[in-house]
Protein backbone atom coordinates (compact mmCIF):
# COMPACT_ATOMS: atom_id res chain seq x y z
CA MET A 1 16.51 -14.79 -1.11
CA GLU A 2 15.67 -13.17 2.81
CA GLY A 3 18.13 -12.84 5.61
CA PHE A 4 18.79 -15.24 8.54
CA ILE A 5 19.71 -14.91 12.47
CA LEU A 6 22.17 -17.22 13.87
CA PRO A 7 21.64 -16.55 17.63
CA ILE A 8 24.36 -19.45 18.34
CA PHE A 9 27.45 -17.79 16.42
CA ARG A 10 25.72 -14.12 16.78
CA ILE A 11 25.21 -13.87 13.61
CA VAL A 12 22.74 -11.52 11.46
CA VAL A 13 22.83 -11.75 8.10
CA VAL A 14 20.74 -9.39 5.72
CA THR A 15 20.94 -9.23 2.16
CA ASP A 16 21.24 -6.05 -0.41
CA ARG A 17 17.32 -6.04 -1.08
CA GLU A 18 16.15 -6.10 2.69
CA PHE A 19 18.63 -3.70 3.57
CA PHE A 20 18.12 -1.33 0.95
CA GLY A 21 14.39 -1.98 0.12
CA GLN A 22 14.95 -3.03 -3.53
CA HIS A 23 17.69 -3.97 -6.15
CA ASN A 24 17.31 -7.01 -7.88
CA LEU A 25 14.39 -7.21 -9.92
CA ALA A 26 12.67 -11.10 -11.28
CA THR A 27 14.13 -12.44 -14.98
CA PRO A 28 11.15 -13.11 -16.80
CA SER A 29 11.50 -16.46 -16.56
CA TYR A 30 9.50 -16.03 -13.52
CA VAL A 31 6.11 -14.16 -12.69
CA ARG A 32 5.98 -12.55 -9.82
CA LYS A 33 2.83 -13.17 -7.22
CA ARG A 34 1.02 -10.14 -5.79
CA ARG A 35 0.76 -10.58 -2.01
CA ARG A 36 -3.44 -10.90 -1.78
CA ALA A 37 -4.55 -8.07 0.54
CA ALA A 38 -5.45 -9.42 3.70
CA SER A 39 -8.99 -10.41 3.97
CA LYS A 40 -11.08 -9.36 7.04
CA GLN A 41 -13.27 -12.60 7.10
CA VAL A 42 -13.03 -14.33 10.43
CA ASP A 43 -11.30 -17.36 9.77
CA LEU A 44 -11.81 -20.32 12.04
CA ASN A 45 -8.34 -22.13 12.01
CA LYS A 46 -6.89 -18.94 12.71
CA LEU A 47 -9.04 -17.81 15.48
CA ARG A 48 -8.46 -17.63 19.18
CA PRO A 49 -10.15 -17.29 22.55
CA GLN A 50 -10.01 -13.44 23.62
CA ASP A 51 -9.89 -12.14 19.83
CA PHE A 52 -11.78 -8.85 19.24
CA ILE A 53 -14.16 -9.55 15.93
CA VAL A 54 -16.80 -7.31 14.90
CA HIS A 55 -20.61 -7.96 14.29
CA LYS A 56 -22.24 -6.15 11.58
CA TYR A 57 -25.18 -5.67 13.78
CA HIS A 58 -24.04 -5.34 17.14
CA GLY A 59 -20.86 -4.03 17.20
CA ILE A 60 -17.27 -5.06 19.11
CA GLY A 61 -17.57 -7.98 20.79
CA GLN A 62 -14.86 -10.61 22.23
CA PHE A 63 -14.82 -14.53 20.93
CA LEU A 64 -14.94 -16.98 23.89
CA GLU A 65 -15.08 -20.26 22.07
CA LEU A 66 -16.48 -22.47 19.47
CA GLU A 67 -19.54 -24.08 20.58
CA THR A 68 -21.29 -27.15 19.22
CA TYR A 69 -24.97 -27.61 19.56
CA GLU A 70 -27.08 -30.07 17.92
CA SER A 71 -24.66 -30.87 15.28
CA ARG A 72 -24.40 -27.40 14.05
CA GLU A 73 -21.11 -25.16 15.81
CA TYR A 74 -21.97 -21.62 16.88
CA LEU A 75 -19.55 -18.65 17.59
CA VAL A 76 -19.55 -17.73 21.33
CA ILE A 77 -19.14 -13.96 21.23
CA LYS A 78 -19.26 -11.85 24.41
CA TYR A 79 -20.50 -8.07 24.67
CA ALA A 80 -21.02 -5.63 27.47
CA ASP A 81 -24.20 -6.83 28.16
CA GLY A 82 -24.17 -10.46 27.50
CA ILE A 83 -23.33 -13.44 25.16
CA LEU A 84 -24.20 -13.87 21.50
CA ARG A 85 -23.72 -16.94 19.41
CA VAL A 86 -23.22 -17.03 15.97
CA PRO A 87 -23.68 -19.82 13.83
CA ALA A 88 -20.68 -20.93 11.69
CA ASP A 89 -22.00 -21.03 8.49
CA SER A 90 -23.03 -17.59 9.19
CA LEU A 91 -19.54 -15.80 9.22
CA ASP A 92 -20.80 -13.30 6.47
CA LEU A 93 -21.65 -11.29 9.51
CA VAL A 94 -18.49 -11.04 11.05
CA SER A 95 -15.02 -9.49 10.72
CA ARG A 96 -12.01 -9.20 12.30
CA TYR A 97 -10.76 -6.33 14.10
CA ARG A 98 -8.31 -4.26 13.44
CA HIS A 99 -6.76 -1.58 15.10
CA THR A 100 -3.36 0.05 15.53
CA GLY A 101 -3.39 1.39 19.26
CA GLU A 102 -2.65 -1.09 22.06
CA LYS A 103 -5.20 -0.67 24.47
CA PRO A 104 -8.00 -2.90 23.73
CA PRO A 105 -11.11 -1.62 22.51
CA ARG A 106 -14.30 -1.48 24.70
CA LEU A 107 -17.08 -3.74 24.22
CA ASN A 108 -20.42 -2.56 22.82
CA LYS A 109 -23.44 -3.60 23.78
CA MET A 110 -26.15 -5.80 22.02
CA SER A 111 -29.26 -3.70 23.44
CA SER A 112 -27.79 0.34 23.02
CA LYS A 113 -27.65 1.76 19.69
CA GLN A 114 -23.67 2.26 20.14
CA TRP A 115 -22.61 0.74 17.48
CA GLU A 116 -25.52 1.79 14.67
CA SER A 117 -24.78 5.66 15.96
CA ALA A 118 -21.04 4.70 14.88
CA LYS A 119 -21.82 3.45 11.50
CA ASN A 120 -24.11 6.57 10.79
CA LYS A 121 -21.35 8.77 11.96
CA VAL A 122 -18.60 7.03 9.83
CA LYS A 123 -21.47 7.17 7.13
CA LYS A 124 -21.69 11.21 7.21
CA SER A 125 -18.12 11.36 7.68
CA ILE A 126 -17.19 9.59 4.12
CA LYS A 127 -20.36 11.20 2.63
CA LYS A 128 -18.68 14.59 3.02
CA LEU A 129 -15.05 13.91 1.96
CA ALA A 130 -16.82 12.52 -0.96
CA VAL A 131 -18.06 15.59 -1.68
CA ASP A 132 -15.36 17.15 -1.01
CA LEU A 133 -13.50 15.49 -3.28
CA VAL A 134 -16.25 15.66 -5.87
CA LYS A 135 -15.69 19.65 -5.37
CA LEU A 136 -11.54 19.79 -5.64
CA TYR A 137 -11.74 17.52 -9.00
CA ALA A 138 -14.36 19.70 -10.17
CA LYS A 139 -12.00 22.76 -9.59
CA ARG A 140 -8.78 20.98 -11.02
CA SER A 141 -10.88 19.88 -14.32
CA GLN A 142 -10.78 23.54 -15.04
CA LEU A 143 -7.20 23.78 -14.47
CA THR A 144 -4.19 23.52 -17.28
CA GLY A 145 -1.33 21.49 -16.52
CA TYR A 146 2.34 21.55 -18.31
CA CYS A 147 1.95 19.22 -21.33
CA TYR A 148 5.27 17.03 -21.91
CA PRO A 149 6.32 16.13 -25.10
CA GLU A 150 6.57 12.48 -26.66
CA ASP A 151 9.65 10.53 -25.41
CA SER A 152 13.28 11.60 -27.02
CA PRO A 153 15.79 9.50 -28.19
CA TRP A 154 17.71 10.22 -24.73
CA GLN A 155 14.61 8.98 -23.18
CA ARG A 156 14.78 5.79 -24.90
CA GLU A 157 18.41 5.27 -24.03
CA LEU A 158 17.85 5.25 -20.56
CA GLU A 159 15.59 2.56 -20.35
CA ASP A 160 17.41 0.70 -22.64
CA SER A 161 20.07 0.83 -20.26
CA PHE A 162 17.77 -0.94 -17.29
CA PRO A 163 19.60 -3.91 -16.59
CA TYR A 164 16.89 -6.58 -15.68
CA GLN A 165 13.66 -7.31 -17.77
CA ALA A 166 10.92 -4.91 -16.96
CA THR A 167 7.59 -6.47 -15.54
CA PRO A 168 4.17 -6.20 -17.09
CA ASP A 169 2.94 -4.25 -14.20
CA GLN A 170 6.00 -1.80 -14.29
CA LEU A 171 5.67 -1.12 -18.44
CA LYS A 172 2.06 -0.42 -17.60
CA ALA A 173 2.58 2.04 -15.02
CA ILE A 174 5.15 3.41 -16.83
CA LYS A 175 3.17 3.91 -19.75
CA ASP A 176 -0.14 5.55 -17.82
CA VAL A 177 2.31 7.98 -16.13
CA LYS A 178 3.71 8.67 -19.52
CA ARG A 179 0.28 9.35 -20.82
CA ASP A 180 -0.48 11.85 -17.58
CA LEU A 181 2.62 13.69 -18.27
CA GLU A 182 2.08 13.98 -22.08
CA SER A 183 -1.55 15.34 -21.07
CA ASP A 184 -2.68 19.12 -20.64
CA ARG A 185 -4.22 18.36 -17.63
CA PRO A 186 -3.09 18.53 -14.00
CA MET A 187 -1.73 15.00 -13.11
CA ASP A 188 -3.36 13.18 -10.45
CA ARG A 189 -1.55 9.62 -10.17
CA LEU A 190 -0.21 7.21 -7.13
CA VAL A 191 1.67 4.32 -7.76
CA CYS A 192 1.53 1.64 -5.27
CA GLY A 193 3.74 -1.82 -5.18
CA ASP A 194 5.47 -3.62 -2.37
CA VAL A 195 9.07 -3.74 -1.80
CA GLY A 196 11.08 -4.70 -4.82
CA PHE A 197 8.17 -5.08 -7.57
CA GLY A 198 10.01 -2.11 -9.25
CA LYS A 199 8.67 1.22 -8.09
CA THR A 200 12.40 2.63 -8.28
CA GLU A 201 12.44 2.34 -12.29
CA VAL A 202 8.77 3.85 -13.00
CA ALA A 203 10.27 7.06 -10.72
CA ILE A 204 13.59 6.94 -12.13
CA ARG A 205 11.95 6.73 -15.96
CA SER A 206 9.34 9.56 -14.99
CA ILE A 207 12.07 11.84 -13.24
CA PHE A 208 14.51 11.84 -16.65
CA LYS A 209 11.18 12.51 -18.94
CA VAL A 210 10.85 15.32 -16.70
CA VAL A 211 14.15 16.94 -16.36
CA THR A 212 15.39 16.46 -19.75
CA THR A 213 12.29 17.55 -21.45
CA GLY A 214 10.30 20.13 -19.68
CA HIS A 215 13.42 21.72 -18.21
CA LYS A 216 11.65 21.28 -14.72
CA GLN A 217 13.30 20.44 -11.19
CA VAL A 218 12.18 16.97 -9.35
CA ALA A 219 12.59 15.94 -5.44
CA PHE A 220 12.40 12.63 -4.78
CA LEU A 221 11.44 11.98 -1.25
CA ALA A 222 12.57 8.79 0.82
CA PRO A 223 11.07 8.01 4.43
CA THR A 224 14.92 6.54 5.97
CA THR A 225 18.58 8.30 5.37
CA ILE A 226 19.44 4.77 4.15
CA LEU A 227 16.79 4.45 1.25
CA SER A 228 17.55 8.22 0.47
CA GLN A 229 21.41 7.03 -0.04
CA GLN A 230 20.01 4.16 -2.12
CA HIS A 231 18.00 6.12 -4.31
CA ASP A 232 21.05 9.11 -4.63
CA HIS A 233 23.39 6.13 -5.91
CA THR A 234 20.79 4.64 -8.48
CA LEU A 235 20.22 8.16 -10.07
CA THR A 236 23.76 8.70 -10.14
CA GLU A 237 24.61 5.48 -12.03
CA ARG A 238 21.52 5.58 -14.38
CA PHE A 239 21.79 9.41 -15.16
CA ALA A 240 25.68 9.54 -14.99
CA PRO A 241 26.07 9.89 -19.49
CA TYR A 242 23.79 12.70 -19.25
CA PRO A 243 24.04 16.79 -17.99
CA ILE A 244 21.58 16.11 -15.13
CA ASN A 245 22.96 17.44 -11.72
CA ILE A 246 21.38 15.13 -8.88
CA GLY A 247 21.75 16.65 -4.75
CA GLN A 248 20.59 14.94 -1.61
CA GLY A 249 18.91 17.07 0.68
CA LYS A 250 19.58 16.76 4.48
CA ARG A 251 16.82 14.81 6.68
CA ILE A 252 13.66 16.79 7.37
């Protein structure tokens, strides 16, 4: 469910899910659909003149039009030193250009080695990053982490108090996190998911396991004040029956 705007009446309706980030989870009768990762492939139906695209061998260019010659379609791409026509059935050679800045990119030259140099530079950076990661994980493998015990009766009681049916992805994430916590290897896990897909419950169960069986403190960070307040309310409500102190810190 999403909010809506009525400009005539000057009314804006915002749902609790949009306002707080997550509140209601799907019931077991519905199957959640993941958002598909945005494809890098060029979609001819969405491609517009002046859009920037990237050719595998020539780099950044600007799409001008779709041209037909002898019953075959071609993408007409402008480069700094000329025009390139790519057959529409060879779209595997081009991809969408993505950038975060407002300034448009500089077009590459087909006749220069600028694009090849840029790719080689990126490859070297990736290789260096990979080597650094291997060294880092080699050091981590020699360390010993804190080994938490298996679930206590309180843990099962807390999980049973969850007012919704946990999704298969939630259950898998929780199981994986618990396995990490119960291992003597340093934990190194990142749980990802869209808004409203139940990451908070995964965090709640993990936090509870840590503070009740390991006598440890947990820091729960949130990117906004509103979300921080929502998490504080949720944790206080869920942990109320247990001897756990919860405090909301100031904005950093």
